[in-house]
Amino acid sequence: MTDPSPLLVAEGVRKTYRGAVEVEVLKGIDLTVQRGELVAVMGPSGNGKTTMLNCLSGLDEIDAGSVHIDGEDIHAMSDARRTEHRASRMGFVFQSFNLIPVFTAAENVELPLLVTGVKAKEARRRSEAILEVVGLAHRLRNRPPELSGGEQQRVAIARALVTEPAIVWADEPTGNLDSETAAAVLALLKDVHTAGQTIVMVTHDAGIGRAGTRLVKVSDGQVTYDGSTDVLDLRDGKPAKAARRRRAAVTAK
């Protein structure tokens, strides 16, 4: 039976970067994510999308508020416990892949398992199995410099999934890829989601955003929209009705 409780509940999350000038990046973020959702997070560059992802996942500390995942407040945990929780309950996919260049594909994927104490033989078995799922059974012993961008991102997705996490965080997962390769990676993420994986994905691409079951827009450190992805126009990411009005006006001239 599926657990009906939310997977993630964030309330009043604030984050300020302090340097020569203090910059309040998050200004009271409230967000609830249900199990099995694919949430697309969009908004202008520099308005807090990646910071929100980092704070909700526990990669960054927060200044105020709370983030509960599976009922546990991750920012109330000790550093060691939070690190263990991230390794066992979360997966991460980054724009720049973040693979270790001297490790093979199989070694990169098995690393989170080894960190959580899985024995080497079992870690390798699971690593190879998930690489087969993402279509890279023939690339197990290739290192990242020997792989295309799309193949590297598939390795990163396999690494994110190998621990069977509660949630996968994806930060611009297609940002460094050409359009054809990006479409293939998006199709893989959609397949993973269809199989039941919860995903929170930051993107600037309206076409990618439309793949979500839900859209969250962030502007000036706040959630300014939370609802259907149908508001997105595939061409420019602006509200579809506004785009239609523009086209109608041009046609009428």
C-alpha atoms as a PDB file:
ATOM      1  CA  MET A   1       0.000   0.000   0.000  1.00  0.00           C
ATOM      2  CA  THR A   2       1.325   3.439  -0.974  1.00  0.00           C
ATOM      3  CA  ASP A   3       2.155   5.777   1.904  1.00  0.00           C
ATOM      4  CA  PRO A   4      -0.329   8.703   1.586  1.00  0.00           C
ATOM      5  CA  SER A   5       1.809  11.130   3.604  1.00  0.00           C
ATOM      6  CA  PRO A   6       3.895  13.757   1.732  1.00  0.00           C
ATOM      7  CA  LEU A   7       7.479  12.782   1.012  1.00  0.00           C
ATOM      8  CA  LEU A   8       8.799  16.309   1.515  1.00  0.00           C
ATOM      9  CA  VAL A   9       7.428  19.221   3.514  1.00  0.00           C
ATOM     10  CA  ALA A  10       9.413  22.482   3.581  1.00  0.00           C
ATOM     11  CA  GLU A  11       8.158  25.416   5.622  1.00  0.00           C
ATOM     12  CA  GLY A  12       9.518  28.954   5.837  1.00  0.00           C
ATOM     13  CA  VAL A  13      12.946  28.090   4.424  1.00  0.00           C
ATOM     14  CA  ARG A  14      15.282  31.064   4.368  1.00  0.00           C
ATOM     15  CA  LYS A  15      18.869  31.331   3.171  1.00  0.00           C
ATOM     16  CA  THR A  16      21.208  34.329   3.171  1.00  0.00           C
ATOM     17  CA  TYR A  17      24.702  34.329   1.689  1.00  0.00           C
ATOM     18  CA  ARG A  18      26.992  36.494   3.774  1.00  0.00           C
ATOM     19  CA  GLY A  19      30.052  38.171   2.322  1.00  0.00           C
ATOM     20  CA  ALA A  20      30.998  41.750   1.598  1.00  0.00           C
ATOM     21  CA  VAL A  21      27.285  42.182   0.857  1.00  0.00           C
ATOM     22  CA  GLU A  22      24.544  40.060   2.392  1.00  0.00           C
ATOM     23  CA  VAL A  23      22.173  38.528  -0.162  1.00  0.00           C
ATOM     24  CA  GLU A  24      18.940  36.893   0.991  1.00  0.00           C
ATOM     25  CA  VAL A  25      18.451  34.211  -1.650  1.00  0.00           C
ATOM     26  CA  LEU A  26      15.480  32.311  -0.203  1.00  0.00           C
ATOM     27  CA  LYS A  27      12.737  34.351   1.469  1.00  0.00           C
ATOM     28  CA  GLY A  28      10.441  31.858   3.132  1.00  0.00           C
ATOM     29  CA  ILE A  29       9.999  28.891   0.806  1.00  0.00           C
ATOM     30  CA  ASP A  30       7.013  26.615   1.475  1.00  0.00           C
ATOM     31  CA  LEU A  31       6.811  23.447  -0.600  1.00  0.00           C
ATOM     32  CA  THR A  32       5.179  20.038  -0.277  1.00  0.00           C
ATOM     33  CA  VAL A  33       6.086  17.153  -2.588  1.00  0.00           C
ATOM     34  CA  GLN A  34       3.950  14.035  -2.753  1.00  0.00           C
ATOM     35  CA  ARG A  35       5.389  10.598  -3.421  1.00  0.00           C
ATOM     36  CA  GLY A  36       5.655   9.805  -7.112  1.00  0.00           C
ATOM     37  CA  GLU A  37       5.584  13.403  -8.382  1.00  0.00           C
ATOM     38  CA  LEU A  38       7.853  14.855 -11.047  1.00  0.00           C
ATOM     39  CA  VAL A  39       8.130  18.484  -9.999  1.00  0.00           C
ATOM     40  CA  ALA A  40       9.664  20.919 -12.489  1.00  0.00           C
ATOM     41  CA  VAL A  41      11.204  24.016 -10.868  1.00  0.00           C
ATOM     42  CA  MET A  42      11.594  27.020 -13.170  1.00  0.00           C
ATOM     43  CA  GLY A  43      12.308  30.729 -12.939  1.00  0.00           C
ATOM     44  CA  PRO A  44      14.770  33.442 -14.009  1.00  0.00           C
ATOM     45  CA  SER A  45      18.495  32.805 -13.558  1.00  0.00           C
ATOM     46  CA  GLY A  46      19.854  33.976 -10.213  1.00  0.00           C
ATOM     47  CA  ASN A  47      16.480  33.869  -8.459  1.00  0.00           C
ATOM     48  CA  GLY A  48      17.139  30.948  -6.125  1.00  0.00           C
ATOM     49  CA  LYS A  49      16.221  27.709  -7.945  1.00  0.00           C
ATOM     50  CA  THR A  50      19.500  25.864  -7.367  1.00  0.00           C
ATOM     51  CA  THR A  51      19.843  27.273  -3.853  1.00  0.00           C
ATOM     52  CA  MET A  52      16.363  25.979  -3.073  1.00  0.00           C
ATOM     53  CA  LEU A  53      17.292  22.530  -4.351  1.00  0.00           C
ATOM     54  CA  ASN A  54      20.501  22.533  -2.306  1.00  0.00           C
ATOM     55  CA  CYS A  55      18.715  23.651   0.862  1.00  0.00           C
ATOM     56  CA  LEU A  56      15.820  21.221   0.507  1.00  0.00           C
ATOM     57  CA  SER A  57      18.235  18.338  -0.052  1.00  0.00           C
ATOM     58  CA  GLY A  58      20.508  19.286   2.833  1.00  0.00           C
ATOM     59  CA  LEU A  59      23.539  20.070   0.680  1.00  0.00           C
ATOM     60  CA  ASP A  60      23.405  23.628   2.065  1.00  0.00           C
ATOM     61  CA  GLU A  61      22.504  24.813   5.568  1.00  0.00           C
ATOM     62  CA  ILE A  62      19.436  26.996   6.043  1.00  0.00           C
ATOM     63  CA  ASP A  63      19.015  30.082   8.228  1.00  0.00           C
ATOM     64  CA  ALA A  64      15.383  29.497   9.195  1.00  0.00           C
ATOM     65  CA  GLY A  65      12.521  27.117   8.584  1.00  0.00           C
ATOM     66  CA  SER A  66      12.394  23.330   8.384  1.00  0.00           C
ATOM     67  CA  VAL A  67      12.650  20.569   5.789  1.00  0.00           C
ATOM     68  CA  HIS A  68      11.080  17.196   6.570  1.00  0.00           C
ATOM     69  CA  ILE A  69      11.764  14.218   4.319  1.00  0.00           C
ATOM     70  CA  ASP A  70       9.992  10.985   5.221  1.00  0.00           C
ATOM     71  CA  GLY A  71       8.936  12.726   8.437  1.00  0.00           C
ATOM     72  CA  GLU A  72      12.496  13.570   9.526  1.00  0.00           C
ATOM     73  CA  ASP A  73      13.769  17.141   9.855  1.00  0.00           C
ATOM     74  CA  ILE A  74      17.013  16.886   7.893  1.00  0.00           C
ATOM     75  CA  HIS A  75      18.377  20.175   9.216  1.00  0.00           C
ATOM     76  CA  ALA A  76      17.943  18.991  12.805  1.00  0.00           C
ATOM     77  CA  MET A  77      20.231  16.035  12.104  1.00  0.00           C
ATOM     78  CA  SER A  78      23.915  15.906  12.927  1.00  0.00           C
ATOM     79  CA  ASP A  79      26.231  16.379   9.948  1.00  0.00           C
ATOM     80  CA  ALA A  80      27.112  12.689   9.962  1.00  0.00           C
ATOM     81  CA  ARG A  81      23.479  11.582  10.100  1.00  0.00           C
ATOM     82  CA  ARG A  82      22.464  14.007   7.347  1.00  0.00           C
ATOM     83  CA  THR A  83      25.301  12.763   5.121  1.00  0.00           C
ATOM     84  CA  GLU A  84      24.193   9.176   5.685  1.00  0.00           C
ATOM     85  CA  HIS A  85      20.578  10.116   4.990  1.00  0.00           C
ATOM     86  CA  ARG A  86      21.529  11.818   1.721  1.00  0.00           C
ATOM     87  CA  ALA A  87      23.596   8.837   0.625  1.00  0.00           C
ATOM     88  CA  SER A  88      20.883   6.290   1.347  1.00  0.00           C
ATOM     89  CA  ARG A  89      17.637   8.195   0.645  1.00  0.00           C
ATOM     90  CA  MET A  90      18.522  10.718  -2.066  1.00  0.00           C
ATOM     91  CA  GLY A  91      19.957  10.699  -5.563  1.00  0.00           C
ATOM     92  CA  PHE A  92      21.515  13.663  -7.368  1.00  0.00           C
ATOM     93  CA  VAL A  93      21.850  14.495 -11.066  1.00  0.00           C
ATOM     94  CA  PHE A  94      23.832  17.617 -11.975  1.00  0.00           C
ATOM     95  CA  GLN A  95      24.258  19.627 -15.165  1.00  0.00           C
ATOM     96  CA  SER A  96      28.018  18.972 -15.145  1.00  0.00           C
ATOM     97  CA  PHE A  97      27.579  15.235 -14.428  1.00  0.00           C
ATOM     98  CA  ASN A  98      29.999  15.308 -11.418  1.00  0.00           C
ATOM     99  CA  LEU A  99      31.548  11.950 -12.298  1.00  0.00           C
ATOM    100  CA  ILE A 100      35.005  10.945 -11.053  1.00  0.00           C
ATOM    101  CA  PRO A 101      37.102  10.919 -14.253  1.00  0.00           C
ATOM    102  CA  VAL A 102      39.551   8.171 -13.189  1.00  0.00           C
ATOM    103  CA  PHE A 103      36.732   5.774 -12.228  1.00  0.00           C
ATOM    104  CA  THR A 104      34.929   3.562 -14.722  1.00  0.00           C
ATOM    105  CA  ALA A 105      31.197   3.922 -15.230  1.00  0.00           C
ATOM    106  CA  ALA A 106      30.593   0.930 -12.946  1.00  0.00           C
ATOM    107  CA  GLU A 107      32.891   2.354 -10.258  1.00  0.00           C
ATOM    108  CA  ASN A 108      31.161   5.760 -10.370  1.00  0.00           C
ATOM    109  CA  VAL A 109      27.752   4.154  -9.963  1.00  0.00           C
ATOM    110  CA  GLU A 110      28.716   1.789  -7.152  1.00  0.00           C
ATOM    111  CA  LEU A 111      30.303   4.552  -5.059  1.00  0.00           C
ATOM    112  CA  PRO A 112      27.128   5.593  -3.155  1.00  0.00           C
ATOM    113  CA  LEU A 113      26.534   1.954  -2.218  1.00  0.00           C
ATOM    114  CA  LEU A 114      30.055   1.545  -0.868  1.00  0.00           C
ATOM    115  CA  VAL A 115      29.650   4.754   1.143  1.00  0.00           C
ATOM    116  CA  THR A 116      26.563   3.304   2.839  1.00  0.00           C
ATOM    117  CA  GLY A 117      28.302   0.048   3.703  1.00  0.00           C
ATOM    118  CA  VAL A 118      27.162  -2.285   0.916  1.00  0.00           C
ATOM    119  CA  LYS A 119      29.763  -5.003   0.325  1.00  0.00           C
ATOM    120  CA  ALA A 120      31.894  -4.592  -2.786  1.00  0.00           C
ATOM    121  CA  LYS A 121      30.581  -7.642  -4.662  1.00  0.00           C
ATOM    122  CA  GLU A 122      26.928  -6.665  -4.132  1.00  0.00           C
ATOM    123  CA  ALA A 123      27.671  -3.017  -4.959  1.00  0.00           C
ATOM    124  CA  ARG A 124      29.213  -4.050  -8.280  1.00  0.00           C
ATOM    125  CA  ARG A 125      26.287  -6.338  -9.094  1.00  0.00           C
ATOM    126  CA  ARG A 126      23.767  -3.554  -8.467  1.00  0.00           C
ATOM    127  CA  SER A 127      25.894  -1.012 -10.331  1.00  0.00           C
ATOM    128  CA  GLU A 128      26.065  -3.170 -13.444  1.00  0.00           C
ATOM    129  CA  ALA A 129      22.353  -3.971 -13.243  1.00  0.00           C
ATOM    130  CA  ILE A 130      21.276  -0.321 -13.153  1.00  0.00           C
ATOM    131  CA  LEU A 131      23.709   0.599 -15.938  1.00  0.00           C
ATOM    132  CA  GLU A 132      22.018  -2.030 -18.051  1.00  0.00           C
ATOM    133  CA  VAL A 133      18.649  -0.424 -17.260  1.00  0.00           C
ATOM    134  CA  VAL A 134      19.874   2.957 -18.565  1.00  0.00           C
ATOM    135  CA  GLY A 135      21.279   1.350 -21.711  1.00  0.00           C
ATOM    136  CA  LEU A 136      24.982   1.302 -20.849  1.00  0.00           C
ATOM    137  CA  ALA A 137      25.717  -2.387 -20.320  1.00  0.00           C
ATOM    138  CA  HIS A 138      28.366  -2.062 -23.050  1.00  0.00           C
ATOM    139  CA  ARG A 139      30.100   0.871 -21.294  1.00  0.00           C
ATOM    140  CA  LEU A 140      30.703  -0.574 -17.817  1.00  0.00           C
ATOM    141  CA  ARG A 141      34.478  -0.242 -17.973  1.00  0.00           C
ATOM    142  CA  ASN A 142      34.714   3.036 -19.839  1.00  0.00           C
ATOM    143  CA  ARG A 143      35.791   6.142 -17.960  1.00  0.00           C
ATOM    144  CA  PRO A 144      33.925   9.473 -18.292  1.00  0.00           C
ATOM    145  CA  PRO A 145      36.393  11.010 -20.813  1.00  0.00           C
ATOM    146  CA  GLU A 146      35.641   8.041 -23.088  1.00  0.00           C
ATOM    147  CA  LEU A 147      31.870   8.661 -22.977  1.00  0.00           C
ATOM    148  CA  SER A 148      29.654  11.156 -24.790  1.00  0.00           C
ATOM    149  CA  GLY A 149      27.798  13.820 -22.827  1.00  0.00           C
ATOM    150  CA  GLY A 150      24.573  11.851 -23.025  1.00  0.00           C
ATOM    151  CA  GLU A 151      26.300   8.685 -21.857  1.00  0.00           C
ATOM    152  CA  GLN A 152      27.890  10.543 -18.938  1.00  0.00           C
ATOM    153  CA  GLN A 153      24.490  11.848 -17.885  1.00  0.00           C
ATOM    154  CA  ARG A 154      23.081   8.318 -18.082  1.00  0.00           C
ATOM    155  CA  VAL A 155      25.862   7.177 -15.761  1.00  0.00           C
ATOM    156  CA  ALA A 156      24.946  10.035 -13.413  1.00  0.00           C
ATOM    157  CA  ILE A 157      21.280   9.000 -13.498  1.00  0.00           C
ATOM    158  CA  ALA A 158      22.256   5.385 -12.801  1.00  0.00           C
ATOM    159  CA  ARG A 159      24.338   6.576  -9.846  1.00  0.00           C
ATOM    160  CA  ALA A 160      21.368   8.577  -8.549  1.00  0.00           C
ATOM    161  CA  LEU A 161      19.078   5.543  -8.772  1.00  0.00           C
ATOM    162  CA  VAL A 162      21.336   2.750  -7.562  1.00  0.00           C
ATOM    163  CA  THR A 163      20.500   3.213  -3.871  1.00  0.00           C
ATOM    164  CA  GLU A 164      16.756   3.135  -4.645  1.00  0.00           C
ATOM    165  CA  PRO A 165      16.332   6.620  -3.151  1.00  0.00           C
ATOM    166  CA  ALA A 166      13.138   8.206  -1.891  1.00  0.00           C
ATOM    167  CA  ILE A 167      13.782  11.285  -4.024  1.00  0.00           C
ATOM    168  CA  VAL A 168      16.029  12.305  -6.916  1.00  0.00           C
ATOM    169  CA  TRP A 169      17.170  15.915  -7.222  1.00  0.00           C
ATOM    170  CA  ALA A 170      18.074  16.965 -10.772  1.00  0.00           C
ATOM    171  CA  ASP A 171      19.680  20.364 -11.408  1.00  0.00           C
ATOM    172  CA  GLU A 172      19.509  21.285 -15.112  1.00  0.00           C
ATOM    173  CA  PRO A 173      20.075  17.636 -16.110  1.00  0.00           C
ATOM    174  CA  THR A 174      19.924  18.457 -19.828  1.00  0.00           C
ATOM    175  CA  GLY A 175      21.679  21.827 -19.665  1.00  0.00           C
ATOM    176  CA  ASN A 176      24.996  20.649 -21.178  1.00  0.00           C
ATOM    177  CA  LEU A 177      23.450  18.472 -23.890  1.00  0.00           C
ATOM    178  CA  ASP A 178      22.419  19.045 -27.485  1.00  0.00           C
ATOM    179  CA  SER A 179      18.681  18.926 -28.190  1.00  0.00           C
ATOM    180  CA  GLU A 180      18.614  15.319 -29.441  1.00  0.00           C
ATOM    181  CA  THR A 181      20.632  13.997 -26.504  1.00  0.00           C
ATOM    182  CA  ALA A 182      18.593  16.109 -24.070  1.00  0.00           C
ATOM    183  CA  ALA A 183      15.405  14.541 -25.409  1.00  0.00           C
ATOM    184  CA  ALA A 184      16.833  11.057 -24.830  1.00  0.00           C
ATOM    185  CA  VAL A 185      17.856  11.915 -21.254  1.00  0.00           C
ATOM    186  CA  LEU A 186      14.439  13.447 -20.579  1.00  0.00           C
ATOM    187  CA  ALA A 187      12.769  10.300 -21.904  1.00  0.00           C
ATOM    188  CA  LEU A 188      14.867   8.251 -19.485  1.00  0.00           C
ATOM    189  CA  LEU A 189      13.889  10.471 -16.547  1.00  0.00           C
ATOM    190  CA  LYS A 190      10.226  10.177 -17.529  1.00  0.00           C
ATOM    191  CA  ASP A 191      10.540   6.397 -17.650  1.00  0.00           C
ATOM    192  CA  VAL A 192      12.122   6.432 -14.192  1.00  0.00           C
ATOM    193  CA  HIS A 193       9.288   8.625 -12.919  1.00  0.00           C
ATOM    194  CA  THR A 194       6.646   6.384 -14.490  1.00  0.00           C
ATOM    195  CA  ALA A 195       8.179   3.488 -12.567  1.00  0.00           C
ATOM    196  CA  GLY A 196       7.391   5.390  -9.354  1.00  0.00           C
ATOM    197  CA  GLN A 197      10.440   7.550  -8.664  1.00  0.00           C
ATOM    198  CA  THR A 198       9.875  10.981  -7.065  1.00  0.00           C
ATOM    199  CA  ILE A 199      11.904  13.642  -8.887  1.00  0.00           C
ATOM    200  CA  VAL A 200      12.411  17.363  -8.279  1.00  0.00           C
ATOM    201  CA  MET A 201      14.020  18.883 -11.376  1.00  0.00           C
ATOM    202  CA  VAL A 202      15.356  22.410 -11.903  1.00  0.00           C
ATOM    203  CA  THR A 203      15.265  23.514 -15.550  1.00  0.00           C
ATOM    204  CA  HIS A 204      15.214  26.689 -17.644  1.00  0.00           C
ATOM    205  CA  ASP A 205      13.744  24.865 -20.648  1.00  0.00           C
ATOM    206  CA  ALA A 206       9.966  25.066 -21.035  1.00  0.00           C
ATOM    207  CA  GLY A 207       9.944  21.864 -23.079  1.00  0.00           C
ATOM    208  CA  ILE A 208      11.641  20.026 -20.223  1.00  0.00           C
ATOM    209  CA  GLY A 209       9.352  21.719 -17.702  1.00  0.00           C
ATOM    210  CA  ARG A 210       6.263  20.485 -19.543  1.00  0.00           C
ATOM    211  CA  ALA A 211       7.399  16.916 -18.772  1.00  0.00           C
ATOM    212  CA  GLY A 212       6.635  17.470 -15.088  1.00  0.00           C
ATOM    213  CA  THR A 213       3.426  16.490 -13.366  1.00  0.00           C
ATOM    214  CA  ARG A 214       3.594  19.853 -11.625  1.00  0.00           C
ATOM    215  CA  LEU A 215       5.317  23.205 -12.083  1.00  0.00           C
ATOM    216  CA  VAL A 216       6.843  25.342  -9.331  1.00  0.00           C
ATOM    217  CA  LYS A 217       8.081  28.786 -10.361  1.00  0.00           C
ATOM    218  CA  VAL A 218      10.636  30.604  -8.221  1.00  0.00           C
ATOM    219  CA  SER A 219      11.286  34.316  -8.512  1.00  0.00           C
ATOM    220  CA  ASP A 220      13.193  36.601  -6.152  1.00  0.00           C
ATOM    221  CA  GLY A 221      13.620  33.803  -3.626  1.00  0.00           C
ATOM    222  CA  GLN A 222       9.928  32.948  -3.356  1.00  0.00           C
ATOM    223  CA  VAL A 223       7.512  30.447  -4.876  1.00  0.00           C
ATOM    224  CA  THR A 224       5.372  32.531  -7.219  1.00  0.00           C
ATOM    225  CA  TYR A 225       3.435  29.709  -8.899  1.00  0.00           C
ATOM    226  CA  ASP A 226       2.633  26.121  -7.931  1.00  0.00           C
ATOM    227  CA  GLY A 227       0.342  24.204 -10.218  1.00  0.00           C
ATOM    228  CA  SER A 228      -0.168  22.692 -13.645  1.00  0.00           C
ATOM    229  CA  THR A 229       2.580  22.703 -16.269  1.00  0.00           C
ATOM    230  CA  ASP A 230      -0.068  23.566 -18.880  1.00  0.00           C
ATOM    231  CA  VAL A 231       0.637  27.274 -18.344  1.00  0.00           C
ATOM    232  CA  LEU A 232       3.981  26.861 -20.120  1.00  0.00           C
ATOM    233  CA  ASP A 233       4.371  27.811 -23.745  1.00  0.00           C
ATOM    234  CA  LEU A 234       6.908  25.437 -25.301  1.00  0.00           C
ATOM    235  CA  ARG A 235       8.563  28.254 -27.208  1.00  0.00           C
ATOM    236  CA  ASP A 236       9.519  30.596 -24.413  1.00  0.00           C
ATOM    237  CA  GLY A 237       8.240  29.321 -21.086  1.00  0.00           C
ATOM    238  CA  LYS A 238       5.778  32.187 -20.644  1.00  0.00           C
ATOM    239  CA  PRO A 239       2.123  31.599 -19.834  1.00  0.00           C
ATOM    240  CA  ALA A 240       0.418  29.897 -22.746  1.00  0.00           C
ATOM    241  CA  LYS A 241      -2.554  32.291 -22.781  1.00  0.00           C
ATOM    242  CA  ALA A 242      -0.257  35.306 -23.060  1.00  0.00           C
ATOM    243  CA  ALA A 243       1.596  33.651 -25.937  1.00  0.00           C
ATOM    244  CA  ARG A 244      -1.683  32.977 -27.734  1.00  0.00           C
ATOM    245  CA  ARG A 245      -2.738  36.586 -27.272  1.00  0.00           C
ATOM    246  CA  ARG A 246       0.545  37.752 -28.829  1.00  0.00           C
ATOM    247  CA  ARG A 247       0.077  35.470 -31.829  1.00  0.00           C
ATOM    248  CA  ALA A 248      -3.533  36.628 -32.248  1.00  0.00           C
ATOM    249  CA  ALA A 249      -2.442  40.273 -32.211  1.00  0.00           C
ATOM    250  CA  VAL A 250       0.197  39.651 -34.867  1.00  0.00           C
ATOM    251  CA  THR A 251      -2.319  37.808 -37.069  1.00  0.00           C
ATOM    252  CA  ALA A 252      -4.831  40.646 -36.758  1.00  0.00           C
ATOM    253  CA  LYS A 253      -2.363  43.262 -38.036  1.00  0.00           C
END
